[in-house]
Amino acid sequence: MRASRLLSILILLQIHGRVSARTLADRFEVSRRTIYRDIDELSAAGVPVYAERGAAGGFALLDGWQTRLTGMTGEEAEAILLSSLPSAAADLGFSETAATARLKLLAAMPAPSSEAARRVADRFHFDPVPWHRRPAPRREDLRLLARAIWECRRLSLVYDSWAGPKPRILEPLGIVLKAGEYYFMAMRRGRPAIHKLDYARDLSLLDEGFARPPGFDLAAAWQEALARFEAGLRRDVARLRVAPDAMSRLGSLNADMAEPIFAAAPGADGWREMDVPIESVGFAAGQLLGLGTLVEVLSPDALRAELKRRAAAIAALY
């Protein structure tokens, strides 16, 4: 741990030019006394580091001196792809490793490229959690799932599907973070299938290995499975009439329903009429009810009846 900290301090000094003892202590969560000892050790090893006193002082390297001790470990190489997603790196146990890998990458870059990379990091932040949502609690079994994927080992678990909890033995292929929630793809019935981590419990790593499908591409497989899933949800069609004031509130609808509404041309009164695909009468009623009188269902009759029933139940409640 100390050797890793010494290397990280060296790279930070190389990148930033001058860094205070307080900043280094906060960065590595150690005391300033520990940082002073680390600096003494670097100096004893021949690193030309010196201290400047005063409010703007700190530790710095002699001008022109540069280290090339930037070789990445296997874990750091894996973690670097997660360095722009701090929450995912932390969930998978790569937080410190990703930070060290990022420092090495910046140190290995020519000065202009390194400065440009730091500007990007300072000016762009990706937050995968939707508005009005909190990050899901960190799950230790996510790391177990990741280990099964890294080592190509089968996983035993209980999966709570729509048909009820069922024990399964899966061959996990990759993890996907979508809108702040974790999913994973695993072989099922001969092809990659989507599983939601929240529906999986009692995960256990088996000693049995498996061979990944040749040429498997996680991103492509995810999009293909997602397309199949979404296509299976478009079971019926509804005819709607939508008011102009509803256009700013369509974010509550799914994309299949919202896109035809946006694409429809308004009539003389500003209302739009269009056909939209729906998953089911019950699901569509739940989505459309939030728009109140800004949307009228013209067909099917079953959806009109369901909206009338729910509106009557709300009126009776109040």
Foldseek 3Di string as FASTA:
>chain_A
DLVLLLVLVQLVQLQVFFDALVRSCVVVVHDSVVVVVSVVVCVVVPFQKDWDDDPPIGIHGPPPDADLPLDADPLLVVLCVCLLPQVVCVLLVNNVSNVSNLSSVLRNDPNVVSVVVVVCVVPDHDDLADPPDDADPRDPCVNVLVVCQVQQFWKWWWFQDPVGTDIDIWRWHAWDQHNRFIWTWTDDPHATEIGGPVRIDPIDTDPHGDDDDPPDDVVVSVVVNVVVVVVQQQDDKWKKKFAQVCLVVCVLPDPQANVQCVVFDADPRRIGIDMGGGRDLVVVLVSCVVVPPRMDIPDDPSNVVVNVVVVVVVVVVD
